[in-house]
Amino acid sequence: MTARQIRDRQFRSVRRGLDPEEVHAFLHRVAAELTAARRDQAHVAEENVRIKQALRSWQARFAPGVRR
């Protein structure tokens, strides 16, 4: 599910249901948190690649017997 799908989600009105404004605010908050979590995950994945490349480079220079 994407942040846009969460933000754009519509619910039918009921006589004794939840406050539509409160539901709308909650959906926007969840969408924002999902966006932030996905952004953070992408940064972590990029950092992981960078660290792995640095380790391989170090191993090639200082531990020639180690193959990865």
Protein backbone atom coordinates (compact mmCIF):
# COMPACT_ATOMS: atom_id res chain seq x y z
CA MET A 1 0.00 0.00 0.00
CA THR A 2 1.32 3.42 -0.87
CA ALA A 3 1.11 6.64 1.09
CA ARG A 4 -1.14 8.09 -1.63
CA GLN A 5 -3.54 5.13 -1.35
CA ILE A 6 -3.75 5.73 2.40
CA ARG A 7 -4.32 9.48 2.01
CA ASP A 8 -6.95 9.00 -0.69
CA ARG A 9 -8.88 6.21 1.07
CA GLN A 10 -12.57 7.00 1.32
CA PHE A 11 -15.08 5.49 3.73
CA ARG A 12 -18.83 5.56 3.51
CA SER A 13 -20.71 7.78 5.93
CA VAL A 14 -22.73 6.23 8.71
CA ARG A 15 -25.08 7.81 11.16
CA ARG A 16 -23.25 6.70 14.31
CA GLY A 17 -19.73 6.18 12.98
CA LEU A 18 -16.36 7.75 13.46
CA ASP A 19 -15.61 11.45 13.04
CA PRO A 20 -14.64 11.84 9.36
CA GLU A 21 -12.17 14.64 10.12
CA GLU A 22 -10.44 12.51 12.75
CA VAL A 23 -10.24 9.54 10.35
CA HIS A 24 -8.89 11.81 7.60
CA ALA A 25 -6.23 13.27 9.92
CA PHE A 26 -5.23 9.80 11.06
CA LEU A 27 -4.88 8.54 7.48
CA HIS A 28 -2.65 11.50 6.62
CA ARG A 29 -0.51 10.83 9.68
CA VAL A 30 -0.15 7.14 8.79
CA ALA A 31 0.72 8.06 5.19
CA ALA A 32 3.39 10.51 6.36
CA GLU A 33 4.90 7.93 8.70
CA LEU A 34 4.90 5.32 5.93
CA THR A 35 6.67 7.75 3.60
CA ALA A 36 9.28 8.51 6.26
CA ALA A 37 9.82 4.82 7.04
CA ARG A 38 10.31 3.98 3.36
CA ARG A 39 12.72 6.90 2.95
CA ASP A 40 14.69 5.74 6.00
CA GLN A 41 14.75 2.17 4.69
CA ALA A 42 16.13 3.38 1.35
CA HIS A 43 18.89 5.32 3.15
CA VAL A 44 19.78 2.25 5.20
CA ALA A 45 19.91 0.09 2.07
CA GLU A 46 22.20 2.62 0.35
CA GLU A 47 24.47 2.76 3.40
CA ASN A 48 24.55 -1.04 3.53
CA VAL A 49 25.74 -1.18 -0.09
CA ARG A 50 28.38 1.48 0.61
CA ILE A 51 29.68 -0.39 3.68
CA LYS A 52 29.80 -3.72 1.81
CA GLN A 53 31.73 -2.11 -1.04
CA ALA A 54 34.19 -0.54 1.42
CA LEU A 55 34.67 -3.89 3.16
CA ARG A 56 35.31 -5.68 -0.14
CA SER A 57 37.79 -2.99 -1.13
CA TRP A 58 39.59 -3.27 2.21
CA GLN A 59 39.66 -7.07 1.96
CA ALA A 60 41.13 -6.88 -1.54
CA ARG A 61 43.91 -4.57 -0.32
CA PHE A 62 44.74 -6.03 3.09
CA ALA A 63 43.47 -9.60 3.10
CA PRO A 64 44.24 -10.98 -0.34
CA GLY A 65 43.55 -14.57 0.70
CA VAL A 66 39.92 -13.77 1.56
CA ARG A 67 37.55 -14.09 -1.40
CA ARG A 68 34.05 -12.68 -1.39
